[in-house]
Amino acid sequence: MASANSSLDSSFQRLREFRGVLLRLHKALLHSERAVYEQFYGRIPSSGEFFRLVIEHDWFSWLRPMSQFIVEIDDALSAKEPITLGQVEALLAKARTMLQPCETGSSLEKRYYRAIQRDPDIALMHAEATRLLASPDADSNNATGDSVQ
């Protein structure tokens, strides 16, 4: 039982650390995409207008799944019921799938790939996220009912 709790604590900590990295990465991606958008369409006049574009414009649509995933992680971490090892591992697995840059993949994969290529800070954050997701126990599929708050 102690080993299961240790595994849960370790995975839970990785999820919390990953969340922080993902937030910084998401913010950097938004700023990077804003710069490219402004090269094509001109300066965005206000934060409110930028927010509206992020929510509504196709240019930023590839970032919406990442935004939704951050909310999903937050919901899991703040739920009234303690999070289980299975839930933590499922979120980490989803993260590994989502953060797959690919020159010829889906819209998210292609745009993410291009952002990594053009911005060294994004490349470093991607490397940090990948490191967290590839921790030694990342492939643990022990989905016990143990939980933590």
N, C-alpha and C. Protein backbone atom coordinates (compact mmCIF):
# COMPACT_ATOMS: atom_id res chain seq x y z
N MET A 1 0.81 -1.18 0.00
CA MET A 1 0.00 0.00 0.00
C MET A 1 0.87 1.26 0.00
N ALA A 2 1.98 1.23 0.77
CA ALA A 2 2.87 2.38 0.81
C ALA A 2 3.44 2.66 -0.57
N SER A 3 3.73 1.61 -1.32
CA SER A 3 4.26 1.77 -2.67
C SER A 3 3.24 2.42 -3.60
N ALA A 4 1.97 2.06 -3.45
CA ALA A 4 0.92 2.66 -4.26
C ALA A 4 0.77 4.13 -3.91
N ASN A 5 0.82 4.47 -2.62
CA ASN A 5 0.73 5.88 -2.21
C ASN A 5 1.93 6.66 -2.71
N SER A 6 3.10 6.06 -2.66
CA SER A 6 4.31 6.70 -3.16
C SER A 6 4.19 6.97 -4.66
N SER A 7 3.67 6.00 -5.39
CA SER A 7 3.47 6.15 -6.83
C SER A 7 2.46 7.26 -7.12
N LEU A 8 1.39 7.31 -6.35
CA LEU A 8 0.38 8.36 -6.52
C LEU A 8 0.98 9.72 -6.21
N ASP A 9 1.70 9.83 -5.10
CA ASP A 9 2.31 11.10 -4.72
C ASP A 9 3.28 11.58 -5.80
N SER A 10 4.08 10.67 -6.32
CA SER A 10 5.05 11.02 -7.37
C SER A 10 4.33 11.48 -8.64
N SER A 11 3.32 10.75 -9.07
CA SER A 11 2.57 11.11 -10.27
C SER A 11 1.81 12.42 -10.08
N PHE A 12 1.23 12.58 -8.90
CA PHE A 12 0.49 13.81 -8.57
C PHE A 12 1.43 15.01 -8.64
N GLN A 13 2.62 14.88 -8.08
CA GLN A 13 3.61 15.96 -8.11
C GLN A 13 4.02 16.27 -9.55
N ARG A 14 4.22 15.23 -10.36
CA ARG A 14 4.56 15.45 -11.76
C ARG A 14 3.46 16.20 -12.48
N LEU A 15 2.19 15.86 -12.20
CA LEU A 15 1.07 16.54 -12.83
C LEU A 15 1.05 18.02 -12.43
N ARG A 16 1.27 18.30 -11.16
CA ARG A 16 1.32 19.70 -10.71
C ARG A 16 2.46 20.46 -11.39
N GLU A 17 3.63 19.85 -11.45
CA GLU A 17 4.77 20.49 -12.12
C GLU A 17 4.48 20.69 -13.60
N PHE A 18 3.91 19.68 -14.23
CA PHE A 18 3.58 19.77 -15.64
C PHE A 18 2.59 20.90 -15.89
N ARG A 19 1.60 21.04 -15.02
CA ARG A 19 0.61 22.10 -15.17
C ARG A 19 1.30 23.46 -15.23
N GLY A 20 2.26 23.69 -14.35
CA GLY A 20 2.99 24.96 -14.35
C GLY A 20 3.75 25.17 -15.65
N VAL A 21 4.41 24.14 -16.13
CA VAL A 21 5.14 24.23 -17.40
C VAL A 21 4.16 24.46 -18.55
N LEU A 22 3.03 23.76 -18.53
CA LEU A 22 2.04 23.91 -19.60
C LEU A 22 1.46 25.32 -19.61
N LEU A 23 1.23 25.91 -18.46
CA LEU A 23 0.73 27.29 -18.40
C LEU A 23 1.74 28.26 -19.03
N ARG A 24 3.01 28.11 -18.68
CA ARG A 24 4.04 28.98 -19.27
C ARG A 24 4.16 28.75 -20.77
N LEU A 25 4.11 27.50 -21.18
CA LEU A 25 4.18 27.16 -22.60
C LEU A 25 2.99 27.75 -23.36
N HIS A 26 1.81 27.61 -22.82
CA HIS A 26 0.60 28.14 -23.44
C HIS A 26 0.70 29.66 -23.60
N LYS A 27 1.15 30.34 -22.56
CA LYS A 27 1.32 31.79 -22.62
C LYS A 27 2.34 32.18 -23.69
N ALA A 28 3.45 31.46 -23.74
CA ALA A 28 4.48 31.74 -24.75
C ALA A 28 3.94 31.49 -26.16
N LEU A 29 3.17 30.43 -26.33
CA LEU A 29 2.57 30.15 -27.63
C LEU A 29 1.60 31.25 -28.04
N LEU A 30 0.80 31.73 -27.10
CA LEU A 30 -0.13 32.83 -27.40
C LEU A 30 0.64 34.07 -27.85
N HIS A 31 1.69 34.42 -27.14
CA HIS A 31 2.48 35.60 -27.51
C HIS A 31 3.16 35.42 -28.86
N SER A 32 3.68 34.23 -29.10
CA SER A 32 4.33 33.94 -30.37
C SER A 32 3.34 34.01 -31.53
N GLU A 33 2.18 33.42 -31.34
CA GLU A 33 1.15 33.46 -32.38
C GLU A 33 0.63 34.88 -32.59
N ARG A 34 0.56 35.66 -31.54
CA ARG A 34 0.14 37.05 -31.68
C ARG A 34 1.12 37.79 -32.58
N ALA A 35 2.41 37.59 -32.35
CA ALA A 35 3.43 38.27 -33.16
C ALA A 35 3.29 37.90 -34.64
N VAL A 36 3.09 36.63 -34.91
CA VAL A 36 2.95 36.19 -36.31
C VAL A 36 1.65 36.74 -36.89
N TYR A 37 0.58 36.68 -36.13
CA TYR A 37 -0.72 37.21 -36.57
C TYR A 37 -0.58 38.69 -36.94
N GLU A 38 0.10 39.45 -36.09
CA GLU A 38 0.26 40.88 -36.33
C GLU A 38 1.11 41.17 -37.56
N GLN A 39 2.00 40.27 -37.93
CA GLN A 39 2.76 40.45 -39.17
C GLN A 39 1.84 40.38 -40.38
N PHE A 40 0.81 39.56 -40.29
CA PHE A 40 -0.14 39.39 -41.40
C PHE A 40 -1.26 40.43 -41.39
N TYR A 41 -1.80 40.73 -40.20
CA TYR A 41 -3.02 41.52 -40.10
C TYR A 41 -2.84 42.88 -39.46
N GLY A 42 -1.66 43.19 -38.97
CA GLY A 42 -1.45 44.46 -38.29
C GLY A 42 -1.61 44.32 -36.79
N ARG A 43 -1.25 45.40 -36.11
CA ARG A 43 -1.24 45.41 -34.65
C ARG A 43 -2.63 45.16 -34.08
N ILE A 44 -2.68 44.35 -33.03
CA ILE A 44 -3.93 44.13 -32.28
C ILE A 44 -4.00 45.27 -31.26
N PRO A 45 -5.06 46.07 -31.30
CA PRO A 45 -5.10 47.32 -30.54
C PRO A 45 -5.23 47.19 -29.02
N SER A 46 -5.75 46.08 -28.51
CA SER A 46 -5.96 46.00 -27.07
C SER A 46 -5.93 44.55 -26.60
N SER A 47 -5.80 44.40 -25.29
CA SER A 47 -5.85 43.06 -24.69
C SER A 47 -7.22 42.43 -24.90
N GLY A 48 -8.26 43.24 -24.80
CA GLY A 48 -9.62 42.74 -25.01
C GLY A 48 -9.81 42.21 -26.42
N GLU A 49 -9.27 42.94 -27.39
CA GLU A 49 -9.38 42.50 -28.78
C GLU A 49 -8.57 41.21 -28.99
N PHE A 50 -7.40 41.14 -28.37
CA PHE A 50 -6.59 39.93 -28.47
C PHE A 50 -7.35 38.74 -27.87
N PHE A 51 -7.95 38.94 -26.71
CA PHE A 51 -8.72 37.88 -26.07
C PHE A 51 -9.85 37.41 -26.99
N ARG A 52 -10.55 38.36 -27.61
CA ARG A 52 -11.65 38.02 -28.52
C ARG A 52 -11.11 37.19 -29.69
N LEU A 53 -9.97 37.58 -30.23
CA LEU A 53 -9.38 36.83 -31.35
C LEU A 53 -9.00 35.41 -30.92
N VAL A 54 -8.43 35.29 -29.74
CA VAL A 54 -8.03 33.96 -29.24
C VAL A 54 -9.25 33.05 -29.13
N ILE A 55 -10.36 33.62 -28.69
CA ILE A 55 -11.59 32.85 -28.50
C ILE A 55 -12.27 32.54 -29.85
N GLU A 56 -12.24 33.49 -30.78
CA GLU A 56 -13.09 33.39 -31.97
C GLU A 56 -12.37 33.16 -33.30
N HIS A 57 -11.17 33.66 -33.45
CA HIS A 57 -10.51 33.65 -34.77
C HIS A 57 -9.88 32.28 -35.06
N ASP A 58 -10.02 31.84 -36.30
CA ASP A 58 -9.44 30.56 -36.71
C ASP A 58 -7.92 30.50 -36.51
N TRP A 59 -7.26 31.64 -36.60
CA TRP A 59 -5.80 31.68 -36.46
C TRP A 59 -5.35 31.02 -35.16
N PHE A 60 -6.12 31.22 -34.11
CA PHE A 60 -5.74 30.73 -32.78
C PHE A 60 -6.45 29.44 -32.39
N SER A 61 -7.24 28.89 -33.29
CA SER A 61 -8.07 27.72 -32.95
C SER A 61 -7.23 26.51 -32.54
N TRP A 62 -6.03 26.38 -33.06
CA TRP A 62 -5.20 25.24 -32.72
C TRP A 62 -4.77 25.24 -31.25
N LEU A 63 -4.84 26.41 -30.60
CA LEU A 63 -4.46 26.50 -29.19
C LEU A 63 -5.62 26.19 -28.24
N ARG A 64 -6.82 26.15 -28.75
CA ARG A 64 -7.99 25.93 -27.88
C ARG A 64 -7.97 24.57 -27.18
N PRO A 65 -7.58 23.48 -27.85
CA PRO A 65 -7.51 22.21 -27.10
C PRO A 65 -6.53 22.27 -25.92
N MET A 66 -5.46 23.02 -26.07
CA MET A 66 -4.50 23.16 -24.98
C MET A 66 -5.13 23.97 -23.84
N SER A 67 -5.86 25.03 -24.19
CA SER A 67 -6.56 25.83 -23.18
C SER A 67 -7.56 24.96 -22.42
N GLN A 68 -8.31 24.17 -23.14
CA GLN A 68 -9.31 23.29 -22.53
C GLN A 68 -8.64 22.23 -21.65
N PHE A 69 -7.48 21.76 -22.07
CA PHE A 69 -6.76 20.76 -21.29
C PHE A 69 -6.27 21.34 -19.96
N ILE A 70 -5.84 22.59 -19.97
CA ILE A 70 -5.43 23.24 -18.73
C ILE A 70 -6.62 23.29 -17.76
N VAL A 71 -7.79 23.64 -18.27
CA VAL A 71 -8.99 23.67 -17.44
C VAL A 71 -9.30 22.26 -16.91
N GLU A 72 -9.14 21.25 -17.76
CA GLU A 72 -9.39 19.86 -17.34
C GLU A 72 -8.46 19.46 -16.19
N ILE A 73 -7.19 19.84 -16.29
CA ILE A 73 -6.23 19.55 -15.22
C ILE A 73 -6.65 20.28 -13.95
N ASP A 74 -6.97 21.57 -14.08
CA ASP A 74 -7.39 22.35 -12.91
C ASP A 74 -8.61 21.74 -12.24
N ASP A 75 -9.58 21.32 -13.05
CA ASP A 75 -10.78 20.70 -12.50
C ASP A 75 -10.44 19.43 -11.72
N ALA A 76 -9.56 18.62 -12.28
CA ALA A 76 -9.17 17.37 -11.61
C ALA A 76 -8.42 17.65 -10.31
N LEU A 77 -7.57 18.65 -10.32
CA LEU A 77 -6.78 18.95 -9.13
C LEU A 77 -7.60 19.62 -8.03
N SER A 78 -8.70 20.26 -8.40
CA SER A 78 -9.50 20.96 -7.39
C SER A 78 -10.84 20.28 -7.10
N ALA A 79 -11.03 19.09 -7.62
CA ALA A 79 -12.29 18.37 -7.42
C ALA A 79 -12.50 18.04 -5.94
N LYS A 80 -13.76 17.95 -5.55
CA LYS A 80 -14.07 17.60 -4.16
C LYS A 80 -13.59 16.19 -3.82
N GLU A 81 -13.75 15.29 -4.78
CA GLU A 81 -13.28 13.92 -4.59
C GLU A 81 -11.77 13.88 -4.85
N PRO A 82 -11.01 13.19 -4.02
CA PRO A 82 -9.56 13.09 -4.24
C PRO A 82 -9.25 12.45 -5.60
N ILE A 83 -8.22 12.93 -6.22
CA ILE A 83 -7.80 12.41 -7.52
C ILE A 83 -7.16 11.03 -7.34
N THR A 84 -7.40 10.14 -8.27
CA THR A 84 -6.83 8.79 -8.19
C THR A 84 -5.59 8.70 -9.07
N LEU A 85 -4.81 7.68 -8.84
CA LEU A 85 -3.64 7.44 -9.67
C LEU A 85 -4.06 7.24 -11.12
N GLY A 86 -5.15 6.55 -11.35
CA GLY A 86 -5.63 6.34 -12.72
C GLY A 86 -5.96 7.65 -13.41
N GLN A 87 -6.59 8.57 -12.69
CA GLN A 87 -6.92 9.87 -13.27
C GLN A 87 -5.66 10.68 -13.59
N VAL A 88 -4.71 10.66 -12.66
CA VAL A 88 -3.45 11.38 -12.88
C VAL A 88 -2.74 10.82 -14.11
N GLU A 89 -2.61 9.50 -14.17
CA GLU A 89 -1.91 8.87 -15.29
C GLU A 89 -2.64 9.12 -16.62
N ALA A 90 -3.98 9.16 -16.59
CA ALA A 90 -4.74 9.44 -17.81
C ALA A 90 -4.46 10.87 -18.29
N LEU A 91 -4.39 11.82 -17.37
CA LEU A 91 -4.07 13.20 -17.75
C LEU A 91 -2.65 13.31 -18.30
N LEU A 92 -1.71 12.64 -17.68
CA LEU A 92 -0.33 12.67 -18.17
C LEU A 92 -0.22 12.01 -19.55
N ALA A 93 -0.97 10.93 -19.76
CA ALA A 93 -0.98 10.27 -21.08
C ALA A 93 -1.58 11.20 -22.13
N LYS A 94 -2.65 11.89 -21.78
CA LYS A 94 -3.26 12.85 -22.72
C LYS A 94 -2.27 13.97 -23.05
N ALA A 95 -1.53 14.40 -22.05
CA ALA A 95 -0.52 15.44 -22.27
C ALA A 95 0.56 14.97 -23.24
N ARG A 96 1.01 13.72 -23.07
CA ARG A 96 2.03 13.18 -23.97
C ARG A 96 1.51 13.15 -25.40
N THR A 97 0.25 12.83 -25.58
CA THR A 97 -0.35 12.79 -26.91
C THR A 97 -0.50 14.19 -27.49
N MET A 98 -0.92 15.13 -26.66
CA MET A 98 -1.18 16.49 -27.13
C MET A 98 0.10 17.21 -27.55
N LEU A 99 1.16 17.01 -26.82
CA LEU A 99 2.40 17.76 -27.08
C LEU A 99 3.34 16.99 -28.00
N GLN A 100 2.82 16.64 -29.17
CA GLN A 100 3.59 15.93 -30.18
C GLN A 100 3.75 16.82 -31.40
N PRO A 101 4.81 17.62 -31.46
CA PRO A 101 5.00 18.45 -32.64
C PRO A 101 5.31 17.57 -33.86
N CYS A 102 4.75 17.93 -34.99
CA CYS A 102 4.97 17.15 -36.20
C CYS A 102 4.80 18.06 -37.42
N GLU A 103 5.77 18.02 -38.28
CA GLU A 103 5.76 18.88 -39.47
C GLU A 103 4.57 18.58 -40.38
N THR A 104 4.08 17.35 -40.37
CA THR A 104 3.01 16.96 -41.29
C THR A 104 1.78 16.40 -40.58
N GLY A 105 1.60 16.70 -39.31
CA GLY A 105 0.49 16.12 -38.54
C GLY A 105 -0.78 16.96 -38.59
N SER A 106 -1.52 16.91 -37.49
CA SER A 106 -2.75 17.69 -37.35
C SER A 106 -2.41 19.18 -37.29
N SER A 107 -3.42 20.00 -37.29
CA SER A 107 -3.21 21.45 -37.20
C SER A 107 -2.41 21.79 -35.95
N LEU A 108 -2.82 21.25 -34.80
CA LEU A 108 -2.11 21.51 -33.56
C LEU A 108 -0.66 21.05 -33.68
N GLU A 109 -0.43 19.85 -34.18
CA GLU A 109 0.93 19.31 -34.29
C GLU A 109 1.80 20.16 -35.22
N LYS A 110 1.25 20.58 -36.35
CA LYS A 110 2.02 21.39 -37.31
C LYS A 110 2.32 22.78 -36.76
N ARG A 111 1.33 23.43 -36.19
CA ARG A 111 1.52 24.78 -35.68
C ARG A 111 2.45 24.76 -34.47
N TYR A 112 2.32 23.74 -33.66
CA TYR A 112 3.21 23.59 -32.50
C TYR A 112 4.65 23.36 -32.98
N TYR A 113 4.82 22.53 -33.99
CA TYR A 113 6.13 22.28 -34.57
C TYR A 113 6.76 23.59 -35.06
N ARG A 114 5.97 24.39 -35.78
CA ARG A 114 6.49 25.66 -36.31
C ARG A 114 6.85 26.63 -35.18
N ALA A 115 6.05 26.67 -34.13
CA ALA A 115 6.34 27.55 -32.99
C ALA A 115 7.65 27.14 -32.32
N ILE A 116 7.87 25.85 -32.18
CA ILE A 116 9.13 25.36 -31.59
C ILE A 116 10.31 25.75 -32.47
N GLN A 117 10.13 25.68 -33.79
CA GLN A 117 11.21 26.01 -34.72
C GLN A 117 11.56 27.50 -34.68
N ARG A 118 10.57 28.37 -34.50
CA ARG A 118 10.83 29.81 -34.59
C ARG A 118 11.20 30.45 -33.26
N ASP A 119 10.91 29.79 -32.14
CA ASP A 119 11.11 30.43 -30.84
C ASP A 119 11.87 29.51 -29.89
N PRO A 120 13.12 29.85 -29.59
CA PRO A 120 13.94 29.01 -28.71
C PRO A 120 13.35 28.85 -27.30
N ASP A 121 12.64 29.86 -26.80
CA ASP A 121 12.03 29.73 -25.47
C ASP A 121 10.94 28.66 -25.48
N ILE A 122 10.17 28.61 -26.55
CA ILE A 122 9.14 27.58 -26.68
C ILE A 122 9.80 26.20 -26.79
N ALA A 123 10.88 26.13 -27.52
CA ALA A 123 11.60 24.86 -27.65
C ALA A 123 12.10 24.38 -26.28
N LEU A 124 12.61 25.30 -25.46
CA LEU A 124 13.08 24.93 -24.12
C LEU A 124 11.92 24.49 -23.22
N MET A 125 10.79 25.19 -23.31
CA MET A 125 9.62 24.79 -22.50
C MET A 125 9.09 23.43 -22.96
N HIS A 126 9.12 23.19 -24.26
CA HIS A 126 8.70 21.89 -24.77
C HIS A 126 9.62 20.79 -24.21
N ALA A 127 10.91 21.06 -24.21
CA ALA A 127 11.86 20.08 -23.68
C ALA A 127 11.59 19.82 -22.19
N GLU A 128 11.27 20.87 -21.44
CA GLU A 128 10.97 20.70 -20.02
C GLU A 128 9.70 19.88 -19.82
N ALA A 129 8.68 20.17 -20.62
CA ALA A 129 7.42 19.41 -20.54
C ALA A 129 7.66 17.95 -20.89
N THR A 130 8.42 17.71 -21.94
CA THR A 130 8.72 16.35 -22.38
C THR A 130 9.49 15.60 -21.30
N ARG A 131 10.42 16.28 -20.66
CA ARG A 131 11.19 15.66 -19.57
C ARG A 131 10.26 15.24 -18.44
N LEU A 132 9.34 16.11 -18.06
CA LEU A 132 8.40 15.77 -16.99
C LEU A 132 7.50 14.60 -17.38
N LEU A 133 7.07 14.59 -18.61
CA LEU A 133 6.17 13.53 -19.07
C LEU A 133 6.89 12.20 -19.26
N ALA A 134 8.21 12.24 -19.38
CA ALA A 134 8.99 11.02 -19.58
C ALA A 134 9.70 10.58 -18.32
N SER A 135 9.26 11.05 -17.16
CA SER A 135 9.88 10.64 -15.90
C SER A 135 9.86 9.13 -15.79
N PRO A 136 10.77 8.56 -15.00
CA PRO A 136 10.92 7.10 -14.93
C PRO A 136 9.62 6.34 -14.72
N ASP A 137 8.71 6.88 -13.92
CA ASP A 137 7.47 6.16 -13.68
C ASP A 137 6.35 6.61 -14.61
N ALA A 138 6.67 7.33 -15.68
CA ALA A 138 5.64 7.84 -16.58
C ALA A 138 4.85 6.74 -17.27
N ASP A 139 5.47 5.60 -17.47
CA ASP A 139 4.78 4.52 -18.16
C ASP A 139 4.04 3.59 -17.21
N SER A 140 4.02 3.96 -15.95
CA SER A 140 3.30 3.14 -14.96
C SER A 140 1.82 3.17 -15.28
N ASN A 141 1.25 2.01 -15.46
CA ASN A 141 -0.18 1.92 -15.74
C ASN A 141 -0.93 1.34 -14.55
N ASN A 142 -0.39 1.52 -13.36
CA ASN A 142 -1.01 1.01 -12.15
C ASN A 142 -2.14 1.95 -11.75
N ALA A 143 -3.32 1.72 -12.27
CA ALA A 143 -4.47 2.58 -12.03
C ALA A 143 -5.25 2.10 -10.81
N THR A 144 -4.63 2.18 -9.65
CA THR A 144 -5.32 1.74 -8.44
C THR A 144 -6.32 2.78 -8.02
N GLY A 145 -7.11 2.46 -7.04
CA GLY A 145 -8.10 3.38 -6.55
C GLY A 145 -7.53 4.37 -5.53
N ASP A 146 -6.25 4.32 -5.24
CA ASP A 146 -5.65 5.23 -4.27
C ASP A 146 -5.85 6.66 -4.74
N SER A 147 -5.99 7.58 -3.80
CA SER A 147 -6.24 8.95 -4.17
C SER A 147 -5.45 9.89 -3.26
N VAL A 148 -5.39 11.14 -3.69
CA VAL A 148 -4.70 12.18 -2.94
C VAL A 148 -5.44 13.49 -3.16
N GLN A 149 -5.33 14.41 -2.19
CA GLN A 149 -5.96 15.73 -2.37
C GLN A 149 -4.96 16.80 -2.37
